[in-house]
């Protein structure tokens, strides 16, 4: 994690990374990250977001297999609500200059 306090622009763009998830889960955050990739703060939030996206995609795919026994619908609803809430919390933390450890995220990538 970075030791230098992030600038207000870095904090705003890091929070935008999470809030764009509601409109474009892949393209929007990828563009924001690419334009600000030289910032250590943005790089760390980009890795957190990427791990989140992959983890929750895998959970949703697994729930899709459970549609056969009708529990997959319930799991997908719960995952959707969790994703919504955790993205809001992570965006607020990013704007405050902090990092949020999103629950159930598998760390595929790290810095």
PDB file of N, CA and C in Angstrom:
ATOM      1  N   UNK A   1       0.835  -1.166   0.000  1.00  0.00           N
ATOM      2  CA  UNK A   1       0.000   0.000   0.000  1.00  0.00           C
ATOM      3  C   UNK A   1       0.893   1.246   0.000  1.00  0.00           C
ATOM      4  N   UNK A   2       0.385   2.303  -0.575  1.00  0.00           N
ATOM      5  CA  UNK A   2       1.174   3.516  -0.687  1.00  0.00           C
ATOM      6  C   UNK A   2       1.285   4.216   0.660  1.00  0.00           C
ATOM      7  N   UNK A   3       2.395   4.929   0.835  1.00  0.00           N
ATOM      8  CA  UNK A   3       2.589   5.690   2.066  1.00  0.00           C
ATOM      9  C   UNK A   3       2.365   7.174   1.834  1.00  0.00           C
ATOM     10  N   UNK A   4       2.460   7.630   0.593  1.00  0.00           N
ATOM     11  CA  UNK A   4       2.234   9.031   0.254  1.00  0.00           C
ATOM     12  C   UNK A   4       0.729   9.252   0.114  1.00  0.00           C
ATOM     13  N   UNK A   5       0.244  10.338   0.687  1.00  0.00           N
ATOM     14  CA  UNK A   5      -1.190  10.640   0.598  1.00  0.00           C
ATOM     15  C   UNK A   5      -1.559  10.924  -0.856  1.00  0.00           C
ATOM     16  N   UNK A   6      -2.620  10.307  -1.351  1.00  0.00           N
ATOM     17  CA  UNK A   6      -3.021  10.537  -2.741  1.00  0.00           C
ATOM     18  C   UNK A   6      -3.617  11.934  -2.915  1.00  0.00           C
ATOM     19  N   UNK A   7      -3.462  12.468  -4.120  1.00  0.00           N
ATOM     20  CA  UNK A   7      -4.031  13.784  -4.413  1.00  0.00           C
ATOM     21  C   UNK A   7      -5.548  13.662  -4.539  1.00  0.00           C
ATOM     22  N   UNK A   8      -6.220  14.791  -4.552  1.00  0.00           N
ATOM     23  CA  UNK A   8      -7.683  14.765  -4.666  1.00  0.00           C
ATOM     24  C   UNK A   8      -8.114  14.211  -6.022  1.00  0.00           C
ATOM     25  N   UNK A   9      -7.324  14.463  -7.067  1.00  0.00           N
ATOM     26  CA  UNK A   9      -7.636  13.914  -8.383  1.00  0.00           C
ATOM     27  C   UNK A   9      -7.506  12.399  -8.383  1.00  0.00           C
ATOM     28  N   UNK A  10      -6.459  11.883  -7.754  1.00  0.00           N
ATOM     29  CA  UNK A  10      -6.285  10.431  -7.669  1.00  0.00           C
ATOM     30  C   UNK A  10      -7.423   9.792  -6.885  1.00  0.00           C
ATOM     31  N   UNK A  11      -7.819  10.421  -5.809  1.00  0.00           N
ATOM     32  CA  UNK A  11      -8.911   9.873  -4.999  1.00  0.00           C
ATOM     33  C   UNK A  11     -10.219   9.866  -5.787  1.00  0.00           C
ATOM     34  N   UNK A  12     -10.469  10.937  -6.533  1.00  0.00           N
ATOM     35  CA  UNK A  12     -11.693  11.022  -7.324  1.00  0.00           C
ATOM     36  C   UNK A  12     -11.704   9.978  -8.436  1.00  0.00           C
ATOM     37  N   UNK A  13     -10.593   9.830  -9.149  1.00  0.00           N
ATOM     38  CA  UNK A  13     -10.563   8.849 -10.234  1.00  0.00           C
ATOM     39  C   UNK A  13     -10.604   7.420  -9.700  1.00  0.00           C
ATOM     40  N   UNK A  14     -10.026   7.172  -8.534  1.00  0.00           N
ATOM     41  CA  UNK A  14     -10.102   5.831  -7.940  1.00  0.00           C
ATOM     42  C   UNK A  14     -11.540   5.502  -7.558  1.00  0.00           C
ATOM     43  N   UNK A  15     -12.260   6.476  -7.022  1.00  0.00           N
ATOM     44  CA  UNK A  15     -13.664   6.213  -6.691  1.00  0.00           C
ATOM     45  C   UNK A  15     -14.489   6.037  -7.960  1.00  0.00           C
ATOM     46  N   UNK A  16     -14.133   6.762  -9.012  1.00  0.00           N
ATOM     47  CA  UNK A  16     -14.815   6.608 -10.294  1.00  0.00           C
ATOM     48  C   UNK A  16     -14.630   5.197 -10.844  1.00  0.00           C
ATOM     49  N   UNK A  17     -13.484   4.614 -10.597  1.00  0.00           N
ATOM     50  CA  UNK A  17     -13.205   3.241 -11.015  1.00  0.00           C
ATOM     51  C   UNK A  17     -14.283   2.294 -10.493  1.00  0.00           C
ATOM     52  N   UNK A  18     -14.667   2.458  -9.249  1.00  0.00           N
ATOM     53  CA  UNK A  18     -15.689   1.594  -8.645  1.00  0.00           C
ATOM     54  C   UNK A  18     -17.101   1.979  -9.076  1.00  0.00           C
ATOM     55  N   UNK A  19     -17.386   3.269  -9.159  1.00  0.00           N
ATOM     56  CA  UNK A  19     -18.745   3.697  -9.481  1.00  0.00           C
ATOM     57  C   UNK A  19     -19.107   3.443 -10.942  1.00  0.00           C
ATOM     58  N   UNK A  20     -18.123   3.377 -11.830  1.00  0.00           N
ATOM     59  CA  UNK A  20     -18.411   3.044 -13.225  1.00  0.00           C
ATOM     60  C   UNK A  20     -18.867   1.602 -13.384  1.00  0.00           C
ATOM     61  N   UNK A  21     -18.634   0.793 -12.369  1.00  0.00           N
ATOM     62  CA  UNK A  21     -19.057  -0.604 -12.400  1.00  0.00           C
ATOM     63  C   UNK A  21     -20.563  -0.728 -12.625  1.00  0.00           C
ATOM     64  N   UNK A  22     -21.339   0.241 -12.184  1.00  0.00           N
ATOM     65  CA  UNK A  22     -22.786   0.178 -12.324  1.00  0.00           C
ATOM     66  C   UNK A  22     -23.230   0.361 -13.773  1.00  0.00           C
ATOM     67  N   UNK A  23     -22.410   1.009 -14.590  1.00  0.00           N
ATOM     68  CA  UNK A  23     -22.782   1.292 -15.972  1.00  0.00           C
ATOM     69  C   UNK A  23     -22.013   0.425 -16.970  1.00  0.00           C
ATOM     70  N   UNK A  24     -20.714   0.335 -16.791  1.00  0.00           N
ATOM     71  CA  UNK A  24     -19.876  -0.485 -17.674  1.00  0.00           C
ATOM     72  C   UNK A  24     -18.847  -1.211 -16.819  1.00  0.00           C
ATOM     73  N   UNK A  25     -19.112  -2.444 -16.433  1.00  0.00           N
ATOM     74  CA  UNK A  25     -18.229  -3.142 -15.498  1.00  0.00           C
ATOM     75  C   UNK A  25     -16.800  -3.374 -15.992  1.00  0.00           C
ATOM     76  N   UNK A  26     -16.586  -3.413 -17.293  1.00  0.00           N
ATOM     77  CA  UNK A  26     -15.238  -3.714 -17.790  1.00  0.00           C
ATOM     78  C   UNK A  26     -14.615  -2.507 -18.491  1.00  0.00           C
ATOM     79  N   UNK A  27     -15.287  -1.968 -19.481  1.00  0.00           N
ATOM     80  CA  UNK A  27     -14.708  -0.919 -20.328  1.00  0.00           C
ATOM     81  C   UNK A  27     -14.449   0.380 -19.556  1.00  0.00           C
ATOM     82  N   UNK A  28     -15.431   0.863 -18.820  1.00  0.00           N
ATOM     83  CA  UNK A  28     -15.276   2.128 -18.090  1.00  0.00           C
ATOM     84  C   UNK A  28     -14.118   2.114 -17.111  1.00  0.00           C
ATOM     85  N   UNK A  29     -14.098   1.157 -16.173  1.00  0.00           N
ATOM     86  CA  UNK A  29     -12.973   1.100 -15.240  1.00  0.00           C
ATOM     87  C   UNK A  29     -11.631   0.853 -15.931  1.00  0.00           C
ATOM     88  N   UNK A  30     -11.633   0.087 -17.024  1.00  0.00           N
ATOM     89  CA  UNK A  30     -10.380  -0.173 -17.741  1.00  0.00           C
ATOM     90  C   UNK A  30      -9.824   1.118 -18.340  1.00  0.00           C
ATOM     91  N   UNK A  31     -10.697   1.947 -18.889  1.00  0.00           N
ATOM     92  CA  UNK A  31     -10.255   3.222 -19.467  1.00  0.00           C
ATOM     93  C   UNK A  31      -9.735   4.155 -18.371  1.00  0.00           C
ATOM     94  N   UNK A  32     -10.470   4.244 -17.259  1.00  0.00           N
ATOM     95  CA  UNK A  32     -10.039   5.103 -16.145  1.00  0.00           C
ATOM     96  C   UNK A  32      -8.684   4.642 -15.622  1.00  0.00           C
ATOM     97  N   UNK A  33      -8.537   3.334 -15.447  1.00  0.00           N
ATOM     98  CA  UNK A  33      -7.261   2.811 -14.948  1.00  0.00           C
ATOM     99  C   UNK A  33      -6.139   3.086 -15.951  1.00  0.00           C
ATOM    100  N   UNK A  34      -6.387   2.853 -17.243  1.00  0.00           N
ATOM    101  CA  UNK A  34      -5.356   3.035 -18.262  1.00  0.00           C
ATOM    102  C   UNK A  34      -4.877   4.488 -18.318  1.00  0.00           C
ATOM    103  N   UNK A  35      -5.790   5.419 -18.201  1.00  0.00           N
ATOM    104  CA  UNK A  35      -5.414   6.831 -18.258  1.00  0.00           C
ATOM    105  C   UNK A  35      -4.631   7.285 -17.028  1.00  0.00           C
ATOM    106  N   UNK A  36      -4.749   6.546 -15.931  1.00  0.00           N
ATOM    107  CA  UNK A  36      -4.091   6.936 -14.678  1.00  0.00           C
ATOM    108  C   UNK A  36      -3.164   5.849 -14.157  1.00  0.00           C
ATOM    109  N   UNK A  37      -2.681   4.986 -15.010  1.00  0.00           N
ATOM    110  CA  UNK A  37      -1.928   3.796 -14.587  1.00  0.00           C
ATOM    111  C   UNK A  37      -0.566   4.109 -13.959  1.00  0.00           C
ATOM    112  N   UNK A  38      -0.050   5.309 -14.132  1.00  0.00           N
ATOM    113  CA  UNK A  38       1.260   5.640 -13.559  1.00  0.00           C
ATOM    114  C   UNK A  38       1.176   5.971 -12.073  1.00  0.00           C
ATOM    115  N   UNK A  39      -0.013   6.207 -11.593  1.00  0.00           N
ATOM    116  CA  UNK A  39      -0.209   6.511 -10.174  1.00  0.00           C
ATOM    117  C   UNK A  39      -0.225   5.208  -9.374  1.00  0.00           C
ATOM    118  N   UNK A  40       0.598   5.138  -8.335  1.00  0.00           N
ATOM    119  CA  UNK A  40       0.613   3.942  -7.479  1.00  0.00           C
ATOM    120  C   UNK A  40      -0.749   3.715  -6.832  1.00  0.00           C
ATOM    121  N   UNK A  41      -1.385   4.791  -6.429  1.00  0.00           N
ATOM    122  CA  UNK A  41      -2.699   4.693  -5.786  1.00  0.00           C
ATOM    123  C   UNK A  41      -3.727   4.076  -6.738  1.00  0.00           C
ATOM    124  N   UNK A  42      -3.726   4.537  -7.985  1.00  0.00           N
ATOM    125  CA  UNK A  42      -4.660   3.994  -8.980  1.00  0.00           C
ATOM    126  C   UNK A  42      -4.315   2.557  -9.334  1.00  0.00           C
ATOM    127  N   UNK A  43      -3.031   2.253  -9.392  1.00  0.00           N
ATOM    128  CA  UNK A  43      -2.621   0.882  -9.708  1.00  0.00           C
ATOM    129  C   UNK A  43      -3.133  -0.087  -8.647  1.00  0.00           C
ATOM    130  N   UNK A  44      -3.014   0.300  -7.395  1.00  0.00           N
ATOM    131  CA  UNK A  44      -3.483  -0.564  -6.305  1.00  0.00           C
ATOM    132  C   UNK A  44      -4.999  -0.746  -6.354  1.00  0.00           C
ATOM    133  N   UNK A  45      -5.715   0.333  -6.613  1.00  0.00           N
ATOM    134  CA  UNK A  45      -7.174   0.210  -6.719  1.00  0.00           C
ATOM    135  C   UNK A  45      -7.568  -0.574  -7.970  1.00  0.00           C
ATOM    136  N   UNK A  46      -6.797  -0.449  -9.030  1.00  0.00           N
ATOM    137  CA  UNK A  46      -7.067  -1.238 -10.231  1.00  0.00           C
ATOM    138  C   UNK A  46      -6.932  -2.727  -9.972  1.00  0.00           C
ATOM    139  N   UNK A  47      -5.921  -3.114  -9.215  1.00  0.00           N
ATOM    140  CA  UNK A  47      -5.720  -4.528  -8.872  1.00  0.00           C
ATOM    141  C   UNK A  47      -6.855  -5.018  -7.973  1.00  0.00           C
ATOM    142  N   UNK A  48      -7.245  -4.204  -7.006  1.00  0.00           N
ATOM    143  CA  UNK A  48      -8.358  -4.575  -6.123  1.00  0.00           C
ATOM    144  C   UNK A  48      -9.628  -4.778  -6.945  1.00  0.00           C
ATOM    145  N   UNK A  49      -9.905  -3.851  -7.864  1.00  0.00           N
ATOM    146  CA  UNK A  49     -11.111  -3.947  -8.686  1.00  0.00           C
ATOM    147  C   UNK A  49     -11.059  -5.166  -9.604  1.00  0.00           C
ATOM    148  N   UNK A  50      -9.916  -5.422 -10.208  1.00  0.00           N
ATOM    149  CA  UNK A  50      -9.788  -6.571 -11.103  1.00  0.00           C
ATOM    150  C   UNK A  50     -10.000  -7.878 -10.349  1.00  0.00           C
ATOM    151  N   UNK A  51      -9.422  -8.000  -9.172  1.00  0.00           N
ATOM    152  CA  UNK A  51      -9.639  -9.190  -8.347  1.00  0.00           C
ATOM    153  C   UNK A  51     -11.115  -9.334  -7.984  1.00  0.00           C
ATOM    154  N   UNK A  52     -11.755  -8.219  -7.658  1.00  0.00           N
ATOM    155  CA  UNK A  52     -13.187  -8.239  -7.346  1.00  0.00           C
ATOM    156  C   UNK A  52     -13.991  -8.729  -8.544  1.00  0.00           C
ATOM    157  N   UNK A  53     -13.724  -8.169  -9.701  1.00  0.00           N
ATOM    158  CA  UNK A  53     -14.488  -8.499 -10.900  1.00  0.00           C
ATOM    159  C   UNK A  53     -14.361  -9.976 -11.256  1.00  0.00           C
ATOM    160  N   UNK A  54     -13.156 -10.501 -11.232  1.00  0.00           N
ATOM    161  CA  UNK A  54     -12.944 -11.913 -11.558  1.00  0.00           C
ATOM    162  C   UNK A  54     -13.595 -12.812 -10.510  1.00  0.00           C
ATOM    163  N   UNK A  55     -13.418 -12.492  -9.239  1.00  0.00           N
ATOM    164  CA  UNK A  55     -13.987 -13.314  -8.166  1.00  0.00           C
ATOM    165  C   UNK A  55     -15.501 -13.391  -8.261  1.00  0.00           C
ATOM    166  N   UNK A  56     -16.148 -12.250  -8.395  1.00  0.00           N
ATOM    167  CA  UNK A  56     -17.602 -12.254  -8.415  1.00  0.00           C
ATOM    168  C   UNK A  56     -18.148 -12.821  -9.717  1.00  0.00           C
ATOM    169  N   UNK A  57     -17.406 -12.728 -10.812  1.00  0.00           N
ATOM    170  CA  UNK A  57     -17.812 -13.405 -12.047  1.00  0.00           C
ATOM    171  C   UNK A  57     -17.809 -14.916 -11.835  1.00  0.00           C
ATOM    172  N   UNK A  58     -16.768 -15.422 -11.192  1.00  0.00           N
ATOM    173  CA  UNK A  58     -16.707 -16.860 -10.921  1.00  0.00           C
ATOM    174  C   UNK A  58     -17.841 -17.303  -9.998  1.00  0.00           C
ATOM    175  N   UNK A  59     -18.158 -16.496  -8.996  1.00  0.00           N
ATOM    176  CA  UNK A  59     -19.277 -16.829  -8.106  1.00  0.00           C
ATOM    177  C   UNK A  59     -20.598 -16.846  -8.869  1.00  0.00           C
ATOM    178  N   UNK A  60     -20.786 -15.887  -9.765  1.00  0.00           N
ATOM    179  CA  UNK A  60     -22.014 -15.843 -10.560  1.00  0.00           C
ATOM    180  C   UNK A  60     -22.091 -17.044 -11.505  1.00  0.00           C
ATOM    181  N   UNK A  61     -20.964 -17.422 -12.086  1.00  0.00           N
ATOM    182  CA  UNK A  61     -20.949 -18.586 -12.976  1.00  0.00           C
ATOM    183  C   UNK A  61     -21.285 -19.858 -12.205  1.00  0.00           C
ATOM    184  N   UNK A  62     -20.736 -19.995 -11.013  1.00  0.00           N
ATOM    185  CA  UNK A  62     -21.039 -21.158 -10.180  1.00  0.00           C
ATOM    186  C   UNK A  62     -22.520 -21.180  -9.814  1.00  0.00           C
ATOM    187  N   UNK A  63     -23.078 -20.026  -9.500  1.00  0.00           N
ATOM    188  CA  UNK A  63     -24.504 -19.952  -9.173  1.00  0.00           C
ATOM    189  C   UNK A  63     -25.347 -20.330 -10.385  1.00  0.00           C
ATOM    190  N   UNK A  64     -24.856 -20.033 -11.580  1.00  0.00           N
ATOM    191  CA  UNK A  64     -25.565 -20.422 -12.795  1.00  0.00           C
ATOM    192  C   UNK A  64     -25.729 -21.927 -12.903  1.00  0.00           C
ATOM    193  N   UNK A  65     -24.735 -22.674 -12.465  1.00  0.00           N
ATOM    194  CA  UNK A  65     -24.843 -24.133 -12.469  1.00  0.00           C
ATOM    195  C   UNK A  65     -25.893 -24.614 -11.467  1.00  0.00           C
ATOM    196  N   UNK A  66     -26.121 -23.842 -10.440  1.00  0.00           N
ATOM    197  CA  UNK A  66     -27.083 -24.233  -9.408  1.00  0.00           C
ATOM    198  C   UNK A  66     -28.523 -23.867  -9.762  1.00  0.00           C
ATOM    199  N   UNK A  67     -28.728 -23.288 -10.944  1.00  0.00           N
ATOM    200  CA  UNK A  67     -30.090 -22.986 -11.376  1.00  0.00           C
ATOM    201  C   UNK A  67     -30.906 -24.267 -11.516  1.00  0.00           C
ATOM    202  N   UNK A  68     -30.247 -25.375 -11.750  1.00  0.00           N
ATOM    203  CA  UNK A  68     -30.931 -26.660 -11.916  1.00  0.00           C
ATOM    204  C   UNK A  68     -31.742 -27.003 -10.668  1.00  0.00           C
ATOM    205  N   UNK A  69     -31.198 -26.715  -9.500  1.00  0.00           N
ATOM    206  CA  UNK A  69     -31.916 -27.026  -8.266  1.00  0.00           C
ATOM    207  C   UNK A  69     -32.566 -25.779  -7.663  1.00  0.00           C
ATOM    208  N   UNK A  70     -32.678 -24.730  -8.437  1.00  0.00           N
ATOM    209  CA  UNK A  70     -33.405 -23.498  -8.102  1.00  0.00           C
ATOM    210  C   UNK A  70     -32.770 -22.668  -6.990  1.00  0.00           C
ATOM    211  N   UNK A  71     -31.650 -23.065  -6.463  1.00  0.00           N
ATOM    212  CA  UNK A  71     -30.992 -22.235  -5.450  1.00  0.00           C
ATOM    213  C   UNK A  71     -30.104 -21.170  -6.109  1.00  0.00           C
ATOM    214  N   UNK A  72     -29.775 -21.384  -7.385  1.00  0.00           N
ATOM    215  CA  UNK A  72     -28.930 -20.432  -8.110  1.00  0.00           C
ATOM    216  C   UNK A  72     -29.553 -19.058  -8.225  1.00  0.00           C
ATOM    217  N   UNK A  73     -30.876 -19.002  -8.347  1.00  0.00           N
ATOM    218  CA  UNK A  73     -31.567 -17.715  -8.442  1.00  0.00           C
ATOM    219  C   UNK A  73     -31.341 -16.913  -7.165  1.00  0.00           C
ATOM    220  N   UNK A  74     -31.525 -17.556  -6.038  1.00  0.00           N
ATOM    221  CA  UNK A  74     -31.331 -16.890  -4.751  1.00  0.00           C
ATOM    222  C   UNK A  74     -29.881 -16.438  -4.576  1.00  0.00           C
ATOM    223  N   UNK A  75     -28.944 -17.294  -4.952  1.00  0.00           N
ATOM    224  CA  UNK A  75     -27.524 -16.946  -4.830  1.00  0.00           C
ATOM    225  C   UNK A  75     -27.184 -15.754  -5.720  1.00  0.00           C
ATOM    226  N   UNK A  76     -27.712 -15.735  -6.949  1.00  0.00           N
ATOM    227  CA  UNK A  76     -27.446 -14.607  -7.848  1.00  0.00           C
ATOM    228  C   UNK A  76     -28.020 -13.301  -7.310  1.00  0.00           C
ATOM    229  N   UNK A  77     -29.188 -13.361  -6.703  1.00  0.00           N
ATOM    230  CA  UNK A  77     -29.781 -12.153  -6.120  1.00  0.00           C
ATOM    231  C   UNK A  77     -28.915 -11.642  -4.970  1.00  0.00           C
ATOM    232  N   UNK A  78     -28.506 -12.550  -4.097  1.00  0.00           N
ATOM    233  CA  UNK A  78     -27.660 -12.163  -2.962  1.00  0.00           C
ATOM    234  C   UNK A  78     -26.326 -11.605  -3.452  1.00  0.00           C
ATOM    235  N   UNK A  79     -25.713 -12.250  -4.440  1.00  0.00           N
ATOM    236  CA  UNK A  79     -24.443 -11.761  -4.986  1.00  0.00           C
ATOM    237  C   UNK A  79     -24.604 -10.383  -5.620  1.00  0.00           C
ATOM    238  N   UNK A  80     -25.708 -10.169  -6.319  1.00  0.00           N
ATOM    239  CA  UNK A  80     -25.957  -8.871  -6.936  1.00  0.00           C
ATOM    240  C   UNK A  80     -26.057  -7.754  -5.909  1.00  0.00           C
ATOM    241  N   UNK A  81     -26.768  -8.012  -4.832  1.00  0.00           N
ATOM    242  CA  UNK A  81     -26.896  -7.013  -3.766  1.00  0.00           C
ATOM    243  C   UNK A  81     -25.539  -6.767  -3.110  1.00  0.00           C
ATOM    244  N   UNK A  82     -24.798  -7.851  -2.861  1.00  0.00           N
ATOM    245  CA  UNK A  82     -23.472  -7.712  -2.255  1.00  0.00           C
ATOM    246  C   UNK A  82     -22.546  -6.890  -3.144  1.00  0.00           C
ATOM    247  N   UNK A  83     -22.561  -7.165  -4.456  1.00  0.00           N
ATOM    248  CA  UNK A  83     -21.709  -6.420  -5.380  1.00  0.00           C
ATOM    249  C   UNK A  83     -22.057  -4.935  -5.344  1.00  0.00           C
ATOM    250  N   UNK A  84     -23.333  -4.635  -5.354  1.00  0.00           N
ATOM    251  CA  UNK A  84     -23.792  -3.250  -5.330  1.00  0.00           C
ATOM    252  C   UNK A  84     -23.298  -2.532  -4.074  1.00  0.00           C
ATOM    253  N   UNK A  85     -23.518  -3.143  -2.930  1.00  0.00           N
ATOM    254  CA  UNK A  85     -23.132  -2.535  -1.655  1.00  0.00           C
ATOM    255  C   UNK A  85     -21.615  -2.392  -1.544  1.00  0.00           C
ATOM    256  N   UNK A  86     -20.885  -3.444  -1.904  1.00  0.00           N
ATOM    257  CA  UNK A  86     -19.426  -3.409  -1.766  1.00  0.00           C
ATOM    258  C   UNK A  86     -18.789  -2.398  -2.713  1.00  0.00           C
ATOM    259  N   UNK A  87     -19.361  -2.187  -3.901  1.00  0.00           N
ATOM    260  CA  UNK A  87     -18.813  -1.188  -4.816  1.00  0.00           C
ATOM    261  C   UNK A  87     -19.025   0.220  -4.271  1.00  0.00           C
ATOM    262  N   UNK A  88     -20.163   0.459  -3.652  1.00  0.00           N
ATOM    263  CA  UNK A  88     -20.402   1.775  -3.047  1.00  0.00           C
ATOM    264  C   UNK A  88     -19.417   2.013  -1.909  1.00  0.00           C
ATOM    265  N   UNK A  89     -19.250   1.020  -1.046  1.00  0.00           N
ATOM    266  CA  UNK A  89     -18.319   1.161   0.081  1.00  0.00           C
ATOM    267  C   UNK A  89     -16.891   1.365  -0.423  1.00  0.00           C
ATOM    268  N   UNK A  90     -16.468   0.564  -1.412  1.00  0.00           N
ATOM    269  CA  UNK A  90     -15.106   0.682  -1.949  1.00  0.00           C
ATOM    270  C   UNK A  90     -14.891   2.049  -2.598  1.00  0.00           C
ATOM    271  N   UNK A  91     -15.902   2.563  -3.304  1.00  0.00           N
ATOM    272  CA  UNK A  91     -15.796   3.884  -3.911  1.00  0.00           C
ATOM    273  C   UNK A  91     -15.662   4.988  -2.876  1.00  0.00           C
ATOM    274  N   UNK A  92     -16.403   4.872  -1.787  1.00  0.00           N
ATOM    275  CA  UNK A  92     -16.316   5.858  -0.707  1.00  0.00           C
ATOM    276  C   UNK A  92     -14.945   5.792  -0.039  1.00  0.00           C
ATOM    277  N   UNK A  93     -14.476   4.585   0.222  1.00  0.00           N
ATOM    278  CA  UNK A  93     -13.142   4.433   0.817  1.00  0.00           C
ATOM    279  C   UNK A  93     -12.070   5.023  -0.102  1.00  0.00           C
ATOM    280  N   UNK A  94     -12.174   4.758  -1.409  1.00  0.00           N
ATOM    281  CA  UNK A  94     -11.187   5.280  -2.359  1.00  0.00           C
ATOM    282  C   UNK A  94     -11.193   6.802  -2.353  1.00  0.00           C
ATOM    283  N   UNK A  95     -12.370   7.397  -2.261  1.00  0.00           N
ATOM    284  CA  UNK A  95     -12.458   8.853  -2.231  1.00  0.00           C
ATOM    285  C   UNK A  95     -11.865   9.426  -0.948  1.00  0.00           C
ATOM    286  N   UNK A  96     -11.914   8.653   0.121  1.00  0.00           N
ATOM    287  CA  UNK A  96     -11.329   9.085   1.391  1.00  0.00           C
ATOM    288  C   UNK A  96      -9.827   8.828   1.450  1.00  0.00           C
ATOM    289  N   UNK A  97      -9.279   8.183   0.418  1.00  0.00           N
ATOM    290  CA  UNK A  97      -7.846   7.908   0.388  1.00  0.00           C
ATOM    291  C   UNK A  97      -7.467   6.620   1.092  1.00  0.00           C
ATOM    292  N   UNK A  98      -8.435   5.747   1.288  1.00  0.00           N
ATOM    293  CA  UNK A  98      -8.187   4.483   1.984  1.00  0.00           C
ATOM    294  C   UNK A  98      -8.462   3.314   1.047  1.00  0.00           C
ATOM    295  N   UNK A  99      -8.163   2.118   1.524  1.00  0.00           N
ATOM    296  CA  UNK A  99      -8.405   0.899   0.761  1.00  0.00           C
ATOM    297  C   UNK A  99      -9.422   0.048   1.499  1.00  0.00           C
ATOM    298  N   UNK A 100     -10.353  -0.537   0.752  1.00  0.00           N
ATOM    299  CA  UNK A 100     -11.377  -1.394   1.343  1.00  0.00           C
ATOM    300  C   UNK A 100     -11.098  -2.830   0.926  1.00  0.00           C
ATOM    301  N   UNK A 101     -11.012  -3.703   1.892  1.00  0.00           N
ATOM    302  CA  UNK A 101     -10.814  -5.122   1.605  1.00  0.00           C
ATOM    303  C   UNK A 101     -12.190  -5.722   1.351  1.00  0.00           C
ATOM    304  N   UNK A 102     -12.531  -5.901   0.097  1.00  0.00           N
ATOM    305  CA  UNK A 102     -13.851  -6.393  -0.286  1.00  0.00           C
ATOM    306  C   UNK A 102     -13.981  -7.857   0.128  1.00  0.00           C
ATOM    307  N   UNK A 103     -15.037  -8.196   0.860  1.00  0.00           N
ATOM    308  CA  UNK A 103     -15.213  -9.585   1.305  1.00  0.00           C
ATOM    309  C   UNK A 103     -15.366 -10.558   0.137  1.00  0.00           C
ATOM    310  N   UNK A 104     -14.900 -11.762   0.335  1.00  0.00           N
ATOM    311  CA  UNK A 104     -15.005 -12.884  -0.601  1.00  0.00           C
ATOM    312  C   UNK A 104     -14.184 -12.717  -1.878  1.00  0.00           C
ATOM    313  N   UNK A 105     -13.285 -11.762  -1.908  1.00  0.00           N
ATOM    314  CA  UNK A 105     -12.467 -11.552  -3.104  1.00  0.00           C
ATOM    315  C   UNK A 105     -11.234 -12.447  -3.041  1.00  0.00           C
ATOM    316  N   UNK A 106     -11.029 -13.191  -4.117  1.00  0.00           N
ATOM    317  CA  UNK A 106      -9.845 -14.039  -4.254  1.00  0.00           C
ATOM    318  C   UNK A 106      -8.739 -13.169  -4.845  1.00  0.00           C
ATOM    319  N   UNK A 107      -7.572 -13.226  -4.277  1.00  0.00           N
ATOM    320  CA  UNK A 107      -6.460 -12.389  -4.757  1.00  0.00           C
ATOM    321  C   UNK A 107      -5.709 -13.105  -5.881  1.00  0.00           C
ATOM    322  N   UNK A 108      -6.174 -12.881  -7.107  1.00  0.00           N
ATOM    323  CA  UNK A 108      -5.514 -13.442  -8.274  1.00  0.00           C
ATOM    324  C   UNK A 108      -4.255 -12.647  -8.607  1.00  0.00           C
ATOM    325  N   UNK A 109      -4.338 -11.334  -8.436  1.00  0.00           N
ATOM    326  CA  UNK A 109      -3.238 -10.426  -8.755  1.00  0.00           C
ATOM    327  C   UNK A 109      -2.876  -9.621  -7.520  1.00  0.00           C
ATOM    328  N   UNK A 110      -1.619  -9.241  -7.426  1.00  0.00           N
ATOM    329  CA  UNK A 110      -1.179  -8.365  -6.343  1.00  0.00           C
ATOM    330  C   UNK A 110      -0.043  -7.501  -6.863  1.00  0.00           C
ATOM    331  N   UNK A 111       0.294  -6.490  -6.102  1.00  0.00           N
ATOM    332  CA  UNK A 111       1.402  -5.605  -6.498  1.00  0.00           C
ATOM    333  C   UNK A 111       2.677  -6.036  -5.845  1.00  0.00           C
TER     334      UNK A 111
END
